[in-house]
């Protein structure tokens, strides 16, 4: 099983490809120095494998390096942030 995750700035999302096929993605867009993450999708054939969590963590790792704030308007992104203390600094307390 070959997993590749990359940032697709053209479509405003992080994509996870499994064996060369798009399997999951996490949308994002910038609003100044803030990144809004409104939506996460795993295609039906790939659900239940933890792929959404992998693509969200890859995005959050990048945003940590970029020192930006994240607005997790997607419930799944909010859950990943809550579950991993290292990501909590990305979110302003009133935006969760």
Protein backbone atom coordinates (compact mmCIF):
# COMPACT_ATOMS: atom_id res chain seq x y z
CA UNK A 1 0.00 0.00 0.00
CA UNK A 2 1.65 3.21 -1.23
CA UNK A 3 0.44 6.41 0.47
CA UNK A 4 1.39 9.86 -0.82
CA UNK A 5 0.16 13.13 0.68
CA UNK A 6 0.66 16.47 -1.03
CA UNK A 7 -0.61 20.02 -0.87
CA UNK A 8 -2.65 21.03 -3.91
CA UNK A 9 -2.72 24.83 -3.82
CA UNK A 10 -4.69 25.00 -7.09
CA UNK A 11 -7.65 23.20 -5.52
CA UNK A 12 -7.01 24.47 -1.98
CA UNK A 13 -6.64 21.10 -0.36
CA UNK A 14 -4.28 18.48 0.98
CA UNK A 15 -4.69 15.22 -0.89
CA UNK A 16 -3.92 11.66 0.09
CA UNK A 17 -3.38 9.22 -2.75
CA UNK A 18 -3.42 5.50 -2.06
CA UNK A 19 -1.69 3.43 -4.73
CA UNK A 20 -1.95 6.41 -7.09
CA UNK A 21 -5.68 7.02 -6.55
CA UNK A 22 -7.19 9.98 -4.71
CA UNK A 23 -8.57 8.52 -1.48
CA UNK A 24 -9.00 11.44 0.93
CA UNK A 25 -8.59 15.21 1.10
CA UNK A 26 -8.85 18.13 3.49
CA UNK A 27 -9.93 21.50 2.09
CA UNK A 28 -8.37 24.75 3.28
CA UNK A 29 -8.32 28.42 2.36
CA UNK A 30 -6.45 31.40 3.71
CA UNK A 31 -7.99 34.45 5.26
CA UNK A 32 -5.01 36.71 5.94
CA UNK A 33 -2.70 34.95 8.38
CA UNK A 34 -5.39 32.41 9.26
CA UNK A 35 -6.17 29.10 7.55
CA UNK A 36 -9.77 27.87 7.53
CA UNK A 37 -10.29 24.11 7.22
CA UNK A 38 -13.97 23.67 6.31
CA UNK A 39 -14.22 20.15 4.95
CA UNK A 40 -12.60 16.71 5.00
CA UNK A 41 -13.57 13.88 2.65
CA UNK A 42 -12.64 10.22 2.34
CA UNK A 43 -14.03 8.54 -0.74
CA UNK A 44 -16.39 5.66 0.16
CA UNK A 45 -14.12 2.84 -1.04
CA UNK A 46 -11.36 4.03 1.31
CA UNK A 47 -13.27 4.75 4.52
CA UNK A 48 -12.37 3.09 7.80
CA UNK A 49 -8.60 3.06 7.20
CA UNK A 50 -7.63 6.22 9.09
CA UNK A 51 -6.78 8.10 5.90
CA UNK A 52 -8.65 11.29 6.81
CA UNK A 53 -6.68 11.56 10.04
CA UNK A 54 -3.43 11.15 8.11
CA UNK A 55 -4.23 13.89 5.60
CA UNK A 56 -5.45 16.27 8.32
CA UNK A 57 -2.31 15.69 10.42
CA UNK A 58 -0.12 16.37 7.38
CA UNK A 59 -1.90 19.69 6.84
CA UNK A 60 -1.68 20.63 10.51
CA UNK A 61 2.04 19.76 10.59
CA UNK A 62 2.61 22.18 7.70
CA UNK A 63 0.55 24.89 9.40
CA UNK A 64 2.59 24.46 12.58
CA UNK A 65 5.76 25.08 10.58
CA UNK A 66 4.17 28.13 8.93
CA UNK A 67 3.12 29.57 12.33
CA UNK A 68 -0.44 30.32 11.22
CA UNK A 69 -3.69 30.08 13.14
CA UNK A 70 -6.24 27.46 12.05
CA UNK A 71 -10.02 27.73 12.15
CA UNK A 72 -11.27 24.12 12.26
CA UNK A 73 -14.78 24.63 10.89
CA UNK A 74 -14.82 20.93 9.95
CA UNK A 75 -15.81 18.82 12.97
CA UNK A 76 -13.26 16.14 12.07
CA UNK A 77 -10.38 18.64 11.95
CA UNK A 78 -11.51 19.98 15.33
CA UNK A 79 -11.45 16.44 16.76
CA UNK A 80 -7.92 15.79 15.46
CA UNK A 81 -6.72 19.04 17.03
CA UNK A 82 -8.40 18.22 20.34
CA UNK A 83 -6.91 14.71 20.37
CA UNK A 84 -3.32 15.88 19.75
CA UNK A 85 -1.95 18.43 22.19
CA UNK A 86 0.77 19.53 19.75
CA UNK A 87 -1.89 21.01 17.44
CA UNK A 88 -3.84 22.95 20.07
CA UNK A 89 -1.56 25.98 19.73
CA UNK A 90 -2.85 26.39 16.16
CA UNK A 91 -6.33 27.32 17.36
CA UNK A 92 -7.38 30.46 19.15
CA UNK A 93 -9.53 29.45 22.14
CA UNK A 94 -12.69 31.13 20.82
CA UNK A 95 -12.55 29.52 17.34
CA UNK A 96 -13.03 25.87 18.36
